[in-house]
Amino acid sequence: MAEQERIALFIDGANLYATAKALNFDIDYKRLLKEFQSKGRLVRAFYYTALVEDQEYSAIRPLIDWLDYNGYSVVTKPTKEFVDSTGRRKVKGNMDIELAVDAMEMAEHLDHIVLFSGDGDFRSLVEAIQRKGVRVSVVSTITTQPPMVADELRRQADEFLDIVHLVAKIGRDPAERVERMQRYHERRPAVAPNPAYDDQG
């Protein structure tokens, strides 16, 4: 990557969380930011996630708050609850449109977009951004069974980065996680936290 290449990260939060969970590691978002700041001029790092509004305590809330204060542009919207054709209650929280609109608007100010998602729906977005002369890297994994990344998205990208090769650079030390969880329990004795979303501070 060129020294002053203008880069932006677009993180599909739910997709990245599922990928890291499948590979059994925790992402250290501070290290993730540093890793891409070292590759050029990081213009913006977007993180997209849907939130369940009516829950008194959302497991993802500490992460969202931390990201918000530590260099990420967090984009959220409430999930929608609906009943499917079999009568089951389902929750829907898709952030694809928000991510696509922001990526298209930002493209003219960038040289390189890094998309953290394996969702095949983004293939046409990647193609549209490439037509504007912007390089697109996709970060996901093919090491899981089945792969977390759609084949058509991987083929469309200028570069595919398998997240397993980034674990050493953006993964969190498991010992640090235990220590952090102990501090977390001391601070929030009434709430059972989700270790995947323990806050980064």
Foldseek 3Di string as FASTA:
>chain_A
DDAAFEEEEQEAAVLLLVQCVLVVFAFQVLLVVVVVVRVHPHPAYEYEDEDAPPDPDDLQVLAQVQCVPRGHHYHYYHWDWDADPVRDIDTHGDCVVVSLVVCVVCLVVGQEYEYEAQDPVCLVSLVVSVVVNHAYEYEGAPPGVNGRHDPSNCVSHPYYHYCVVCCVRGTDDVVVLVVLVVVVCVVCVPDDHDSNNRHND
